[in-house]
Amino acid sequence: AAGYVNAGTVEFLVDADESIYFMEINRRLQVEHPITEMVTGWDLAREQLLVAAGEADYRDAVVAPRGWSVECRINAEDPAHDFAGRVGVVTRYRPPGGPGVRVDSHLEAGYVVSPWYDSLLAKLIVWGADRPTALARLLRALDEFEIEGVPTTIGALRRIVAHPEFAVGGVATDWLEGQLSR
């Protein structure tokens, strides 16, 4: 209806009564776009460039998602101190790998984490045929992930993903705050 033709993200909120509320449309790929790529097999950045160049039009495309994908933001933050951002030098970087595991990052040993930029160090994205498989793969990948020299959210993410309430998927946006206050 708006005449917009390109890749983008439409965001909604769902309340406890399952009412759906429109939030926003972003005319760019979101940091979470690898989740869509994992469940559809589409390279969204490539497709966005093709649309912008007039070489593709997906208005009638049929997307057939399969499986389950989860993404974790690995940040240079200290969970023990209210997730405060931290700076320093990355002395070791060893990302996880294997089937269904993707890591998007700019890191390498010797990288200086500065206070002048976002604390995002890496995105860890996993895919599985179903939620339990994806979460098991995510836990394994978090166990294998090594970043030394600066505090990271890896340990906190392990605890979150391993929590039984998170595993069944019954958590809302305020769940983590409730867990931290216990």
Protein backbone atom coordinates (compact mmCIF):
# COMPACT_ATOMS: atom_id res chain seq x y z
CA ALA A 1 0.00 0.00 0.00
CA ALA A 2 2.92 2.37 0.64
CA GLY A 3 4.63 1.49 -2.64
CA TYR A 4 7.81 0.41 -0.85
CA VAL A 5 9.86 -2.14 -2.79
CA ASN A 6 13.00 -3.31 -1.06
CA ALA A 7 14.14 -5.41 1.88
CA GLY A 8 13.22 -4.17 5.30
CA THR A 9 11.90 -5.14 8.70
CA VAL A 10 8.36 -4.78 9.98
CA GLU A 11 8.16 -4.98 13.78
CA PHE A 12 5.18 -5.86 15.96
CA LEU A 13 4.55 -6.46 19.67
CA VAL A 14 2.27 -9.18 20.99
CA ASP A 15 0.72 -8.78 24.44
CA ALA A 16 -0.44 -11.40 26.93
CA ASP A 17 -3.86 -11.50 25.23
CA GLU A 18 -2.11 -12.18 21.89
CA SER A 19 -3.21 -8.82 20.50
CA ILE A 20 -0.76 -7.64 17.85
CA TYR A 21 0.47 -4.04 17.71
CA PHE A 22 2.44 -2.49 14.86
CA MET A 23 5.67 -0.81 15.98
CA GLU A 24 7.72 0.29 13.00
CA ILE A 25 9.12 -0.41 9.58
CA ASN A 26 12.88 -0.15 9.08
CA ARG A 27 14.11 0.35 5.52
CA ARG A 28 17.26 -1.57 6.23
CA LEU A 29 18.30 -4.95 7.46
CA GLN A 30 18.24 -5.32 11.21
CA VAL A 31 21.09 -6.78 13.25
CA GLU A 32 18.90 -9.90 13.62
CA HIS A 33 18.59 -10.53 9.87
CA PRO A 34 20.74 -13.69 10.00
CA ILE A 35 17.86 -15.47 11.75
CA THR A 36 15.70 -14.96 8.67
CA GLU A 37 18.58 -16.00 6.44
CA MET A 38 19.05 -19.23 8.41
CA VAL A 39 15.40 -20.29 8.25
CA THR A 40 14.83 -19.24 4.62
CA GLY A 41 18.20 -19.91 3.01
CA TRP A 42 18.12 -16.41 1.46
CA ASP A 43 21.09 -14.02 1.56
CA LEU A 44 19.09 -10.91 2.44
CA ALA A 45 21.94 -8.44 1.92
CA ARG A 46 22.46 -9.80 -1.61
CA GLU A 47 18.74 -9.74 -2.34
CA GLN A 48 18.42 -6.16 -1.07
CA LEU A 49 21.17 -5.06 -3.46
CA LEU A 50 19.48 -6.85 -6.36
CA VAL A 51 16.17 -5.11 -5.62
CA ALA A 52 17.89 -1.72 -5.33
CA ALA A 53 19.56 -2.34 -8.71
CA GLY A 54 16.20 -3.19 -10.28
CA GLU A 55 17.34 -6.76 -10.95
CA ALA A 56 14.84 -8.51 -8.70
CA ASP A 57 11.26 -8.09 -7.53
CA TYR A 58 9.99 -10.34 -4.77
CA ARG A 59 6.47 -8.97 -4.28
CA ASP A 60 5.01 -12.32 -5.36
CA ALA A 61 7.71 -14.50 -3.83
CA VAL A 62 6.73 -17.41 -1.64
CA VAL A 63 8.96 -17.82 1.38
CA ALA A 64 9.01 -21.26 2.99
CA PRO A 65 10.73 -21.01 6.37
CA ARG A 66 12.08 -24.20 7.87
CA GLY A 67 13.46 -24.99 11.28
CA TRP A 68 14.33 -22.71 14.15
CA SER A 69 17.03 -20.09 14.55
CA VAL A 70 18.35 -18.19 17.56
CA GLU A 71 20.79 -15.28 17.70
CA CYS A 72 22.92 -14.07 20.61
CA ARG A 73 24.74 -10.76 20.76
CA ILE A 74 28.16 -11.25 22.28
CA ASN A 75 29.01 -7.90 23.87
CA ALA A 76 32.01 -6.48 25.74
CA GLU A 77 29.93 -6.04 28.86
CA ASP A 78 30.24 -7.17 32.45
CA PRO A 79 27.10 -9.01 33.57
CA ALA A 80 28.32 -8.94 37.19
CA HIS A 81 28.19 -5.13 37.10
CA ASP A 82 24.78 -4.44 35.57
CA PHE A 83 26.07 -5.26 32.06
CA ALA A 84 28.31 -2.20 32.04
CA GLY A 85 30.36 -1.85 28.88
CA ARG A 86 34.03 -2.69 29.18
CA VAL A 87 37.11 -1.74 27.20
CA GLY A 88 40.43 -3.45 26.66
CA VAL A 89 42.36 -5.62 24.25
CA VAL A 90 41.08 -8.97 23.01
CA THR A 91 43.93 -11.36 23.73
CA ARG A 92 42.30 -14.52 22.38
CA TYR A 93 39.48 -15.05 19.91
CA ARG A 94 38.24 -18.49 18.94
CA PRO A 95 34.70 -18.62 17.52
CA PRO A 96 32.65 -21.82 17.51
CA GLY A 97 31.86 -23.67 14.31
CA GLY A 98 30.10 -26.69 12.93
CA PRO A 99 26.86 -27.36 11.08
CA GLY A 100 24.13 -24.81 11.69
CA VAL A 101 26.46 -22.36 13.45
CA ARG A 102 27.25 -18.91 12.08
CA VAL A 103 29.36 -16.17 13.66
CA ASP A 104 29.35 -12.62 12.30
CA SER A 105 32.24 -10.67 13.79
CA HIS A 106 35.11 -8.31 13.18
CA LEU A 107 37.24 -9.64 16.04
CA GLU A 108 40.75 -10.96 16.11
CA ALA A 109 43.38 -11.22 18.82
CA GLY A 110 44.83 -7.77 19.41
CA TYR A 111 41.58 -5.93 18.64
CA VAL A 112 41.12 -2.91 20.91
CA VAL A 113 37.62 -2.58 22.37
CA SER A 114 37.06 1.16 22.58
CA PRO A 115 34.53 3.14 24.61
CA TRP A 116 33.61 5.09 21.46
CA TYR A 117 31.63 2.39 19.68
CA ASP A 118 28.88 -0.14 20.32
CA SER A 119 29.99 -2.97 22.63
CA LEU A 120 28.94 -5.64 20.09
CA LEU A 121 31.83 -8.05 19.48
CA ALA A 122 30.06 -10.81 17.58
CA LYS A 123 26.71 -12.27 16.68
CA LEU A 124 26.29 -16.00 17.23
CA ILE A 125 23.48 -17.47 15.15
CA VAL A 126 22.42 -21.11 15.16
CA TRP A 127 19.87 -23.14 13.25
CA GLY A 128 18.15 -26.41 14.13
CA ALA A 129 15.24 -28.42 12.80
CA ASP A 130 13.27 -27.46 15.94
CA ARG A 131 13.67 -25.29 19.05
CA PRO A 132 15.27 -27.96 21.28
CA THR A 133 17.83 -28.78 18.58
CA ALA A 134 18.64 -25.12 17.98
CA LEU A 135 19.03 -24.45 21.72
CA ALA A 136 21.27 -27.49 22.20
CA ARG A 137 23.42 -26.30 19.30
CA LEU A 138 23.49 -22.79 20.80
CA LEU A 139 24.63 -24.08 24.20
CA ARG A 140 27.42 -26.10 22.56
CA ALA A 141 28.50 -23.07 20.53
CA LEU A 142 28.51 -20.83 23.61
CA ASP A 143 30.64 -23.43 25.43
CA GLU A 144 33.14 -23.41 22.54
CA PHE A 145 33.23 -19.61 22.12
CA GLU A 146 36.43 -18.07 23.50
CA ILE A 147 37.06 -14.35 23.89
CA GLU A 148 39.71 -13.32 26.40
CA GLY A 149 40.99 -9.94 27.48
CA VAL A 150 37.63 -8.26 28.08
CA PRO A 151 34.52 -9.36 29.98
CA THR A 152 31.74 -10.61 27.69
CA THR A 153 28.13 -11.70 27.89
CA ILE A 154 28.97 -15.31 26.91
CA GLY A 155 28.58 -16.72 30.44
CA ALA A 156 25.32 -14.88 31.06
CA LEU A 157 23.98 -16.08 27.72
CA ARG A 158 24.85 -19.68 28.65
CA ARG A 159 22.85 -19.35 31.89
CA ILE A 160 19.89 -17.78 30.08
CA VAL A 161 19.76 -20.39 27.31
CA ALA A 162 20.13 -23.26 29.80
CA HIS A 163 17.30 -21.99 32.01
CA PRO A 164 14.23 -24.29 31.85
CA GLU A 165 11.79 -21.39 31.42
CA PHE A 166 13.76 -20.09 28.45
CA ALA A 167 14.00 -23.58 26.96
CA VAL A 168 10.22 -23.93 26.73
CA GLY A 169 9.83 -20.44 25.24
CA GLY A 170 7.46 -18.99 27.78
CA VAL A 171 9.43 -15.85 28.56
CA ALA A 172 8.54 -12.22 27.87
CA THR A 173 10.61 -9.06 27.56
CA ASP A 174 10.69 -8.56 31.36
CA TRP A 175 11.82 -12.12 32.14
CA LEU A 176 15.56 -11.39 32.33
CA GLU A 177 15.11 -8.53 34.76
CA GLY A 178 13.16 -10.84 37.04
CA GLN A 179 15.92 -13.45 36.85
CA LEU A 180 18.63 -10.92 37.71
CA SER A 181 16.78 -9.71 40.78
CA ARG A 182 16.67 -13.22 42.32
